[in-house]
Every structure is written in C-alpha cells, then in structure tokens.
C-alpha cells in the first residue's frame, strides 16, 4: 500500500540505486577531503544520538557527488540510511556546524517519517482531485483552481508543518552532538539570501525560509541547554 514504511523504503532504495548508476562517474571517495568532512560530521551526529543502527533500518552509506559547474545544492537522506550530498552543499557550509545542521535536518525528516506521510497525503487526495476535475471537466479555469487550492491549502500546509518539525528536531540532534545552534540560523540565513541561485524551486529548503529562521532564533536558548 502506498504510504507504508516498507513501500517508502523500497521506493527510496530503487531511487538510490538509479542515482548511484547515473552519477557513477561523479562520485567522490574518501580520498577527497569533502567526503571525509561529511563522514566526520555524520559520525559525530550518529554517535551523539545513538543512531548506529541507522534510520528506519539499513546500514549508513554516504554518496558525495561532484557538482562540477552546478551551484545548486543537494542534501538528502533516504530511509534505509542513505546519505546524498553534492560538493556545492559541502563547500557552501563555512564550518562543520553549518554542515551538521543541514545533515541533521534531513535525518530529522527520516526519523519523523515525513516521506511516508507525504506519500500518504498524495494517495488520499489524488482520487478526490480527479473526481472533482471530472465533475468540472469543461472548465479549465475550474480545474486549475482545484489543483492550486488542493496544493496550497492541504498539501502545501502539511509540507510547511513538516519543515518546521524537522527544523526543531534537527537542531536538537545537532545540539546533542555539541554543534553550535547559532549555525542553524546562519546557514538558513545564507540559503534565504541566495535561494534563487542555489535552490530548486521545488526544494523544501526554499519554502518559508524567513519564518523558519525566526523560529530557529527563538529555539536557540533551548538548544544551548541540550549541548
């Protein structure tokens, strides 16, 4: 069934295998300092948060992809503990605390099972959407209104809530590893200033950045106590 943890993991494993094949000539090994940097930060987060057995199963595996000429950032962690970053994301982070905040945010999404939740929402609302479109099939404007309304009021609001949840848990995971909480504000601030150049329009990082930065500022005292 779409939306179950097993279904999500299977889909992500297929996606990971396809990406690994597609990017095989761009993958960087431990001989590259950027790859070692990711391992160093990830291992500290894992140890501090007792995640040695992975997130939602699987063995931790890191894929670092050479961005070449692209400036766009790629940071993702899939269920089954698969970590994907490109070199633009790594060099974007001035220090390890910033990189830790980006990685911890993605770990939080997996721990909170947001990918499964997102798939479940789509599986519930897609039939409703097509029923409404069928009833209104003669009116293109009506169809677009239905699609836009569904995306903004239902799926969009749910996605926004997931980002705020992952922001908070990600800061907790990083704080437990003794990474500076202020780095979350710094790195999201840089993303906000450069989002048009560095982020895909569909990236979750690009959504509601200003409000999320304000929330991170308010969370800093709490996170400092967790260090």
Protein backbone atom coordinates (compact mmCIF):
# COMPACT_ATOMS: atom_id res chain seq x y z
CA UNK A 1 0.00 0.00 0.00
CA UNK A 2 1.29 3.47 -0.89
CA UNK A 3 2.47 5.32 2.18
CA UNK A 4 3.56 2.35 4.27
CA UNK A 5 7.08 2.38 5.70
CA UNK A 6 8.09 -0.68 3.63
CA UNK A 7 6.77 0.87 0.41
CA UNK A 8 8.64 4.10 1.07
CA UNK A 9 11.88 2.26 1.82
CA UNK A 10 11.58 0.15 -1.33
CA UNK A 11 10.99 3.21 -3.49
CA UNK A 12 13.92 5.03 -1.93
CA UNK A 13 16.27 2.08 -2.43
CA UNK A 14 15.33 1.99 -6.11
CA UNK A 15 15.88 5.75 -6.36
CA UNK A 16 19.25 5.48 -4.62
CA UNK A 17 20.42 2.69 -6.95
CA UNK A 18 19.37 4.69 -10.02
CA UNK A 19 21.14 7.83 -8.80
CA UNK A 20 24.27 5.86 -8.00
CA UNK A 21 24.27 4.47 -11.52
CA UNK A 22 23.53 7.84 -13.12
CA UNK A 23 26.26 9.63 -11.14
CA UNK A 24 28.86 6.85 -11.12
CA UNK A 25 31.45 8.99 -12.92
CA UNK A 26 30.94 11.90 -10.46
CA UNK A 27 31.14 10.03 -7.14
CA UNK A 28 33.95 11.00 -4.78
CA UNK A 29 35.63 8.62 -2.36
CA UNK A 30 37.37 9.03 0.99
CA UNK A 31 40.47 10.30 -0.75
CA UNK A 32 38.58 13.59 -1.20
CA UNK A 33 38.57 15.92 1.83
CA UNK A 34 34.94 16.92 1.18
CA UNK A 35 33.83 13.29 1.51
CA UNK A 36 35.87 12.87 4.68
CA UNK A 37 34.26 16.03 6.06
CA UNK A 38 30.78 14.60 5.54
CA UNK A 39 31.79 11.33 7.23
CA UNK A 40 33.31 13.23 10.16
CA UNK A 41 30.16 15.28 10.77
CA UNK A 42 27.79 12.36 10.20
CA UNK A 43 29.70 10.05 12.54
CA UNK A 44 29.54 12.66 15.32
CA UNK A 45 25.77 13.06 14.84
CA UNK A 46 25.28 9.29 14.80
CA UNK A 47 27.29 8.71 17.99
CA UNK A 48 25.64 11.56 19.94
CA UNK A 49 22.12 10.45 19.03
CA UNK A 50 22.62 6.67 19.22
CA UNK A 51 21.80 6.14 15.56
CA UNK A 52 24.43 3.47 14.91
CA UNK A 53 21.75 1.11 13.61
CA UNK A 54 20.66 3.65 11.01
CA UNK A 55 17.40 5.47 10.48
CA UNK A 56 14.45 3.24 9.56
CA UNK A 57 16.85 0.34 9.02
CA UNK A 58 19.78 -0.17 6.71
CA UNK A 59 23.48 0.49 7.02
CA UNK A 60 24.77 4.05 6.80
CA UNK A 61 26.10 4.82 3.34
CA UNK A 62 27.35 8.16 2.04
CA UNK A 63 27.24 9.31 -1.59
CA UNK A 64 29.13 12.52 -2.36
CA UNK A 65 28.64 13.77 -5.91
CA UNK A 66 30.93 16.23 -7.69
CA UNK A 67 28.73 19.21 -8.59
CA UNK A 68 31.11 20.26 -11.37
CA UNK A 69 29.77 23.60 -12.65
CA UNK A 70 26.38 23.47 -10.89
CA UNK A 71 25.81 25.73 -7.87
CA UNK A 72 22.52 24.10 -6.86
CA UNK A 73 22.56 22.35 -3.51
CA UNK A 74 21.69 18.69 -3.00
CA UNK A 75 21.33 17.38 0.56
CA UNK A 76 19.16 14.33 1.16
CA UNK A 77 18.91 11.34 3.47
CA UNK A 78 16.70 8.46 2.41
CA UNK A 79 15.07 5.85 4.63
CA UNK A 80 17.48 2.92 4.96
CA UNK A 81 20.23 5.37 5.99
CA UNK A 82 21.41 6.52 2.57
CA UNK A 83 23.07 9.97 2.61
CA UNK A 84 23.39 12.04 -0.58
CA UNK A 85 25.20 15.37 -0.86
CA UNK A 86 26.84 17.23 -3.69
CA UNK A 87 30.07 19.17 -3.33
CA UNK A 88 28.27 22.52 -3.71
CA UNK A 89 26.36 21.77 -0.49
CA UNK A 90 29.55 20.91 1.37
CA UNK A 91 31.57 23.94 0.29
CA UNK A 92 28.54 26.17 0.91
CA UNK A 93 28.94 25.46 4.62
CA UNK A 94 31.66 27.65 6.10
CA UNK A 95 32.26 25.34 9.05
CA UNK A 96 31.19 21.91 10.26
CA UNK A 97 28.41 23.26 12.50
CA UNK A 98 26.59 24.54 9.42
CA UNK A 99 27.03 21.26 7.58
CA UNK A 100 25.82 19.40 10.68
CA UNK A 101 22.63 21.49 10.73
CA UNK A 102 21.84 20.60 7.09
CA UNK A 103 22.52 16.90 7.63
CA UNK A 104 20.66 16.79 10.96
CA UNK A 105 17.63 18.43 9.34
CA UNK A 106 17.48 15.62 6.79
CA UNK A 107 17.96 12.95 9.46
CA UNK A 108 15.02 14.53 11.30
CA UNK A 109 12.79 14.18 8.22
CA UNK A 110 13.55 10.44 8.13
CA UNK A 111 13.08 9.91 11.87
CA UNK A 112 9.72 11.71 11.67
CA UNK A 113 8.76 9.57 8.63
CA UNK A 114 7.85 12.64 6.62
CA UNK A 115 8.37 10.93 3.28
CA UNK A 116 5.80 8.27 4.17
CA UNK A 117 3.42 10.94 5.45
CA UNK A 118 3.79 12.93 2.23
CA UNK A 119 3.09 9.86 0.09
CA UNK A 120 0.03 9.06 2.19
CA UNK A 121 -1.36 12.56 1.65
CA UNK A 122 -0.96 12.21 -2.10
CA UNK A 123 -2.60 8.77 -2.11
CA UNK A 124 -5.61 10.13 -0.17
CA UNK A 125 -6.13 13.38 -2.06
CA UNK A 126 -5.29 12.37 -5.62
CA UNK A 127 -8.54 10.38 -6.17
CA UNK A 128 -10.53 13.29 -4.72
CA UNK A 129 -8.75 15.69 -7.03
CA UNK A 130 -9.57 13.63 -10.13
CA UNK A 131 -13.19 13.21 -9.10
CA UNK A 132 -13.53 16.98 -8.77
CA UNK A 133 -11.78 17.54 -12.09
CA UNK A 134 -14.09 15.01 -13.79
CA UNK A 135 -17.15 16.81 -12.43
CA UNK A 136 -15.75 20.07 -13.74
CA UNK A 137 -14.11 18.76 -16.92
CA UNK A 138 -15.46 21.52 -19.19
CA UNK A 139 -13.91 24.35 -17.21
CA UNK A 140 -10.13 24.58 -17.46
CA UNK A 141 -10.07 27.51 -15.04
CA UNK A 142 -12.01 25.42 -12.54
CA UNK A 143 -9.55 22.57 -12.90
CA UNK A 144 -6.60 24.84 -12.28
CA UNK A 145 -8.36 26.37 -9.27
CA UNK A 146 -8.96 22.92 -7.79
CA UNK A 147 -5.36 21.84 -8.36
CA UNK A 148 -3.96 25.07 -6.95
CA UNK A 149 -6.27 25.07 -3.94
CA UNK A 150 -5.50 21.45 -3.11
CA UNK A 151 -1.78 22.06 -3.35
CA UNK A 152 -1.80 25.28 -1.30
CA UNK A 153 -4.39 24.59 1.39
CA UNK A 154 -3.83 20.91 2.00
CA UNK A 155 -0.55 19.54 0.70
CA UNK A 156 1.29 22.87 0.99
CA UNK A 157 0.28 23.43 4.61
CA UNK A 158 1.21 19.87 5.52
CA UNK A 159 4.62 20.25 3.86
CA UNK A 160 5.20 23.52 5.72
CA UNK A 161 4.39 21.84 9.04
CA UNK A 162 6.83 19.02 8.24
CA UNK A 163 9.63 21.51 7.58
CA UNK A 164 9.10 23.25 10.93
CA UNK A 165 9.07 19.87 12.71
CA UNK A 166 12.30 18.81 11.02
CA UNK A 167 13.89 22.19 11.80
CA UNK A 168 13.29 21.73 15.52
CA UNK A 169 14.31 18.06 15.74
CA UNK A 170 17.33 18.71 13.50
CA UNK A 171 18.53 21.42 15.87
CA UNK A 172 18.12 19.02 18.80
CA UNK A 173 20.15 16.29 17.04
CA UNK A 174 22.92 18.78 16.22
CA UNK A 175 22.93 20.24 19.75
CA UNK A 176 23.32 16.78 21.28
CA UNK A 177 26.42 16.39 19.10
CA UNK A 178 27.61 19.72 20.54
CA UNK A 179 27.29 21.66 17.31
CA UNK A 180 26.61 25.38 17.77
CA UNK A 181 22.82 26.06 17.47
CA UNK A 182 23.52 29.51 16.04
CA UNK A 183 24.86 27.77 12.93
CA UNK A 184 21.27 26.81 12.04
CA UNK A 185 20.34 30.48 11.86
CA UNK A 186 23.49 31.30 9.91
CA UNK A 187 23.14 28.59 7.27
CA UNK A 188 19.40 29.09 6.74
CA UNK A 189 20.07 32.82 6.51
CA UNK A 190 22.58 32.22 3.72
CA UNK A 191 20.07 29.96 1.98
CA UNK A 192 17.44 32.68 2.20
CA UNK A 193 19.74 35.27 0.66
CA UNK A 194 20.90 33.00 -2.16
CA UNK A 195 17.91 30.72 -2.67
CA UNK A 196 17.14 31.90 -6.21
CA UNK A 197 20.61 30.84 -7.32
CA UNK A 198 21.27 27.80 -5.14
CA UNK A 199 17.96 26.06 -4.62
CA UNK A 200 15.48 24.35 -6.89
CA UNK A 201 12.02 25.94 -6.88
CA UNK A 202 10.71 22.61 -5.62
CA UNK A 203 13.24 22.22 -2.82
CA UNK A 204 11.81 22.08 0.69
CA UNK A 205 14.72 24.32 1.74
CA UNK A 206 13.22 27.12 -0.35
CA UNK A 207 9.89 27.19 1.48
CA UNK A 208 9.06 29.70 4.23
CA UNK A 209 12.72 30.36 4.99
CA UNK A 210 12.19 33.70 6.72
CA UNK A 211 9.61 32.32 9.18
CA UNK A 212 11.76 29.25 9.80
CA UNK A 213 14.81 31.40 10.57
CA UNK A 214 12.77 33.37 13.13
CA UNK A 215 11.70 30.08 14.72
CA UNK A 216 15.31 28.90 14.89
CA UNK A 217 16.35 32.12 16.63
CA UNK A 218 13.67 31.55 19.28
CA UNK A 219 14.82 27.92 19.73
CA UNK A 220 18.49 28.78 20.33
CA UNK A 221 18.32 29.12 24.16
CA UNK A 222 16.57 25.75 24.44
CA UNK A 223 19.16 24.09 22.18
CA UNK A 224 22.09 25.57 24.09
CA UNK A 225 20.83 23.76 27.21
CA UNK A 226 20.92 20.44 25.30
CA UNK A 227 24.60 20.76 24.41
